[in-house]
Amino acid sequence: IQAYPGQNNNDALHTIAVYTSGFSGTLKILGTMATTPASTDFFTVSTITDLPSTGIKYYNFTGVYQFVKFSWDNATGNTGTIDKILYRQ
């Protein structure tokens, strides 16, 4: 997702809302300053381990990034899902 680093300058507050349904695992927030990034250009900004099994959880993070993306790791036996992630920069 394009993060528009010049828009907020050094006050770059980002907010996500994570919607889950029976999910068990961790969510990673990844960022890069590359303007045309390859998968190896991204680094871990934050790892979220306290996702609710079902519901909505909000998280804030700061930083100046060209792009952000999200990945998750399922816990053993997970049958739930991350339904959507809403992002605001």
N, C-alpha and C. Protein backbone atom coordinates (compact mmCIF):
# COMPACT_ATOMS: atom_id res chain seq x y z
N ILE A 1 0.86 -1.17 0.00
CA ILE A 1 0.00 0.00 0.00
C ILE A 1 0.90 1.23 0.00
N GLN A 2 0.63 2.16 -0.87
CA GLN A 2 1.39 3.41 -0.91
C GLN A 2 1.19 4.16 0.40
N ALA A 3 2.28 4.58 1.04
CA ALA A 3 2.20 5.23 2.34
C ALA A 3 2.39 6.75 2.27
N TYR A 4 2.72 7.30 1.11
CA TYR A 4 2.86 8.75 0.92
C TYR A 4 3.74 9.39 2.00
N PRO A 5 5.05 9.14 1.97
CA PRO A 5 5.92 9.62 3.04
C PRO A 5 6.01 11.14 3.15
N GLY A 6 5.80 11.88 2.08
CA GLY A 6 5.88 13.35 2.14
C GLY A 6 4.64 13.99 2.72
N GLN A 7 3.56 13.25 2.83
CA GLN A 7 2.29 13.80 3.28
C GLN A 7 2.32 14.18 4.76
N ASN A 8 2.89 13.33 5.60
CA ASN A 8 2.88 13.58 7.04
C ASN A 8 4.25 13.90 7.61
N ASN A 9 5.27 13.88 6.77
CA ASN A 9 6.64 14.15 7.17
C ASN A 9 7.03 13.31 8.38
N ASN A 10 7.65 13.89 9.38
CA ASN A 10 8.14 13.10 10.51
C ASN A 10 7.07 12.77 11.55
N ASP A 11 5.85 13.26 11.36
CA ASP A 11 4.75 12.94 12.27
C ASP A 11 3.92 11.79 11.72
N ALA A 12 4.53 10.92 10.98
CA ALA A 12 3.82 9.88 10.23
C ALA A 12 3.19 8.85 11.17
N LEU A 13 1.96 9.14 11.58
CA LEU A 13 1.19 8.22 12.40
C LEU A 13 0.32 7.38 11.48
N HIS A 14 0.40 6.07 11.61
CA HIS A 14 -0.39 5.13 10.82
C HIS A 14 -1.31 4.38 11.78
N THR A 15 -2.52 4.09 11.33
CA THR A 15 -3.48 3.35 12.13
C THR A 15 -4.05 2.22 11.29
N ILE A 16 -4.17 1.04 11.89
CA ILE A 16 -4.84 -0.06 11.22
C ILE A 16 -5.94 -0.60 12.14
N ALA A 17 -6.97 -1.11 11.51
CA ALA A 17 -8.04 -1.83 12.21
C ALA A 17 -8.03 -3.24 11.63
N VAL A 18 -7.85 -4.23 12.48
CA VAL A 18 -7.76 -5.62 12.05
C VAL A 18 -9.03 -6.34 12.46
N TYR A 19 -9.72 -6.92 11.49
CA TYR A 19 -10.96 -7.66 11.72
C TYR A 19 -10.65 -9.15 11.65
N THR A 20 -10.98 -9.89 12.71
CA THR A 20 -10.67 -11.32 12.76
C THR A 20 -11.93 -12.14 13.04
N SER A 21 -11.89 -13.38 12.58
CA SER A 21 -12.97 -14.35 12.85
C SER A 21 -12.33 -15.68 13.24
N GLY A 22 -12.27 -15.95 14.53
CA GLY A 22 -11.70 -17.20 15.01
C GLY A 22 -10.22 -17.37 14.71
N PHE A 23 -9.51 -16.27 14.53
CA PHE A 23 -8.10 -16.32 14.13
C PHE A 23 -7.17 -16.56 15.31
N SER A 24 -6.12 -17.32 15.06
CA SER A 24 -5.07 -17.53 16.04
C SER A 24 -3.73 -17.44 15.32
N GLY A 25 -2.89 -16.49 15.71
CA GLY A 25 -1.59 -16.31 15.07
C GLY A 25 -1.06 -14.92 15.31
N THR A 26 -0.09 -14.50 14.49
CA THR A 26 0.54 -13.19 14.61
C THR A 26 0.43 -12.43 13.30
N LEU A 27 0.42 -11.11 13.41
CA LEU A 27 0.36 -10.23 12.26
C LEU A 27 1.64 -9.40 12.23
N LYS A 28 2.24 -9.26 11.05
CA LYS A 28 3.44 -8.43 10.89
C LYS A 28 3.11 -7.23 10.02
N ILE A 29 3.57 -6.07 10.46
CA ILE A 29 3.51 -4.86 9.66
C ILE A 29 4.89 -4.69 9.04
N LEU A 30 4.96 -4.56 7.73
CA LEU A 30 6.21 -4.44 7.01
C LEU A 30 6.26 -3.09 6.29
N GLY A 31 7.43 -2.50 6.20
CA GLY A 31 7.59 -1.21 5.53
C GLY A 31 8.83 -1.18 4.67
N THR A 32 8.87 -0.22 3.75
CA THR A 32 10.05 -0.02 2.91
C THR A 32 10.12 1.44 2.48
N MET A 33 11.30 1.90 2.16
CA MET A 33 11.48 3.22 1.58
C MET A 33 11.80 3.12 0.09
N ALA A 34 11.88 1.91 -0.45
CA ALA A 34 12.13 1.73 -1.88
C ALA A 34 10.93 2.23 -2.68
N THR A 35 11.18 2.93 -3.78
CA THR A 35 10.09 3.47 -4.58
C THR A 35 9.47 2.43 -5.51
N THR A 36 10.22 1.42 -5.88
CA THR A 36 9.69 0.28 -6.64
C THR A 36 10.20 -0.99 -5.93
N PRO A 37 9.58 -1.34 -4.82
CA PRO A 37 10.15 -2.37 -3.95
C PRO A 37 10.00 -3.79 -4.49
N ALA A 38 11.02 -4.58 -4.20
CA ALA A 38 10.96 -6.03 -4.35
C ALA A 38 10.61 -6.59 -2.98
N SER A 39 10.24 -7.84 -2.91
CA SER A 39 9.85 -8.42 -1.62
C SER A 39 10.97 -8.37 -0.60
N THR A 40 12.22 -8.38 -1.04
CA THR A 40 13.36 -8.35 -0.12
C THR A 40 13.64 -6.95 0.43
N ASP A 41 12.98 -5.92 -0.10
CA ASP A 41 13.19 -4.54 0.37
C ASP A 41 12.41 -4.23 1.65
N PHE A 42 11.45 -5.06 2.01
CA PHE A 42 10.61 -4.79 3.17
C PHE A 42 11.26 -5.27 4.46
N PHE A 43 11.04 -4.54 5.54
CA PHE A 43 11.53 -4.91 6.87
C PHE A 43 10.35 -4.89 7.83
N THR A 44 10.50 -5.59 8.94
CA THR A 44 9.44 -5.67 9.93
C THR A 44 9.39 -4.39 10.75
N VAL A 45 8.25 -3.72 10.73
CA VAL A 45 8.01 -2.53 11.53
C VAL A 45 7.51 -2.94 12.91
N SER A 46 6.59 -3.89 12.94
CA SER A 46 6.01 -4.35 14.20
C SER A 46 5.43 -5.74 14.02
N THR A 47 5.45 -6.53 15.09
CA THR A 47 4.81 -7.83 15.12
C THR A 47 3.73 -7.79 16.20
N ILE A 48 2.51 -8.11 15.82
CA ILE A 48 1.37 -8.03 16.72
C ILE A 48 0.99 -9.45 17.14
N THR A 49 1.06 -9.70 18.44
CA THR A 49 0.77 -11.04 18.95
C THR A 49 -0.52 -11.10 19.76
N ASP A 50 -1.15 -9.93 20.00
CA ASP A 50 -2.33 -9.91 20.86
C ASP A 50 -3.63 -9.67 20.08
N LEU A 51 -3.71 -10.24 18.89
CA LEU A 51 -4.95 -10.13 18.11
C LEU A 51 -6.08 -10.85 18.83
N PRO A 52 -7.29 -10.29 18.77
CA PRO A 52 -8.42 -11.01 19.36
C PRO A 52 -8.79 -12.18 18.45
N SER A 53 -9.30 -13.23 19.03
CA SER A 53 -9.74 -14.36 18.22
C SER A 53 -10.82 -13.92 17.24
N THR A 54 -11.78 -13.18 17.73
CA THR A 54 -12.85 -12.64 16.89
C THR A 54 -13.12 -11.21 17.33
N GLY A 55 -13.19 -10.31 16.36
CA GLY A 55 -13.48 -8.92 16.69
C GLY A 55 -12.63 -7.96 15.89
N ILE A 56 -12.53 -6.74 16.40
CA ILE A 56 -11.77 -5.67 15.76
C ILE A 56 -10.75 -5.15 16.76
N LYS A 57 -9.53 -4.97 16.30
CA LYS A 57 -8.48 -4.42 17.16
C LYS A 57 -7.78 -3.31 16.38
N TYR A 58 -7.52 -2.18 17.04
CA TYR A 58 -6.86 -1.04 16.43
C TYR A 58 -5.42 -0.98 16.91
N TYR A 59 -4.52 -0.59 16.00
CA TYR A 59 -3.11 -0.44 16.34
C TYR A 59 -2.59 0.82 15.67
N ASN A 60 -1.68 1.50 16.35
CA ASN A 60 -0.99 2.67 15.81
C ASN A 60 0.48 2.34 15.69
N PHE A 61 1.10 2.89 14.66
CA PHE A 61 2.56 2.81 14.54
C PHE A 61 3.02 4.06 13.81
N THR A 62 4.27 4.44 14.03
CA THR A 62 4.81 5.64 13.41
C THR A 62 6.00 5.28 12.54
N GLY A 63 6.27 6.14 11.59
CA GLY A 63 7.42 5.96 10.72
C GLY A 63 7.13 6.51 9.34
N VAL A 64 8.18 6.79 8.62
CA VAL A 64 8.08 7.31 7.26
C VAL A 64 8.43 6.17 6.31
N TYR A 65 7.47 5.76 5.50
CA TYR A 65 7.64 4.64 4.58
C TYR A 65 7.06 5.00 3.22
N GLN A 66 7.65 4.46 2.16
CA GLN A 66 7.06 4.59 0.83
C GLN A 66 5.85 3.65 0.70
N PHE A 67 6.04 2.43 1.19
CA PHE A 67 4.99 1.42 1.12
C PHE A 67 4.93 0.64 2.42
N VAL A 68 3.75 0.16 2.76
CA VAL A 68 3.58 -0.78 3.87
C VAL A 68 2.80 -1.98 3.35
N LYS A 69 3.00 -3.11 3.99
CA LYS A 69 2.22 -4.30 3.68
C LYS A 69 2.09 -5.12 4.95
N PHE A 70 1.25 -6.12 4.90
CA PHE A 70 0.94 -6.92 6.08
C PHE A 70 1.08 -8.39 5.73
N SER A 71 1.56 -9.17 6.67
CA SER A 71 1.60 -10.62 6.52
C SER A 71 1.26 -11.24 7.86
N TRP A 72 0.83 -12.48 7.84
CA TRP A 72 0.49 -13.13 9.09
C TRP A 72 0.93 -14.57 9.08
N ASP A 73 1.15 -15.07 10.26
CA ASP A 73 1.52 -16.47 10.48
C ASP A 73 0.41 -17.10 11.30
N ASN A 74 -0.12 -18.19 10.81
CA ASN A 74 -1.15 -18.92 11.53
C ASN A 74 -0.53 -19.72 12.67
N ALA A 75 -1.20 -19.74 13.81
CA ALA A 75 -0.79 -20.62 14.90
C ALA A 75 -1.16 -22.05 14.50
N THR A 76 -0.52 -23.01 15.12
CA THR A 76 -0.83 -24.41 14.85
C THR A 76 -2.31 -24.67 15.10
N GLY A 77 -2.96 -25.26 14.13
CA GLY A 77 -4.37 -25.59 14.27
C GLY A 77 -5.33 -24.44 13.99
N ASN A 78 -4.81 -23.29 13.55
CA ASN A 78 -5.70 -22.16 13.26
C ASN A 78 -6.68 -22.51 12.15
N THR A 79 -7.96 -22.24 12.38
CA THR A 79 -8.97 -22.42 11.34
C THR A 79 -9.68 -21.10 11.05
N GLY A 80 -9.28 -20.03 11.72
CA GLY A 80 -9.91 -18.73 11.56
C GLY A 80 -9.25 -17.90 10.47
N THR A 81 -9.73 -16.68 10.35
CA THR A 81 -9.24 -15.80 9.30
C THR A 81 -9.04 -14.37 9.81
N ILE A 82 -8.18 -13.64 9.10
CA ILE A 82 -8.15 -12.18 9.18
C ILE A 82 -9.02 -11.74 8.03
N ASP A 83 -10.17 -11.16 8.33
CA ASP A 83 -11.15 -10.83 7.31
C ASP A 83 -10.77 -9.59 6.51
N LYS A 84 -10.27 -8.57 7.19
CA LYS A 84 -9.81 -7.38 6.49
C LYS A 84 -8.95 -6.54 7.42
N ILE A 85 -8.16 -5.69 6.78
CA ILE A 85 -7.32 -4.73 7.49
C ILE A 85 -7.59 -3.36 6.87
N LEU A 86 -8.08 -2.44 7.67
CA LEU A 86 -8.27 -1.07 7.21
C LEU A 86 -7.04 -0.27 7.63
N TYR A 87 -6.52 0.54 6.72
CA TYR A 87 -5.27 1.27 6.93
C TYR A 87 -5.49 2.76 6.70
N ARG A 88 -4.97 3.58 7.61
CA ARG A 88 -4.99 5.03 7.48
C ARG A 88 -3.61 5.57 7.77
N GLN A 89 -3.09 6.38 6.83
CA GLN A 89 -1.79 7.01 7.08
C GLN A 89 -1.96 8.46 7.33
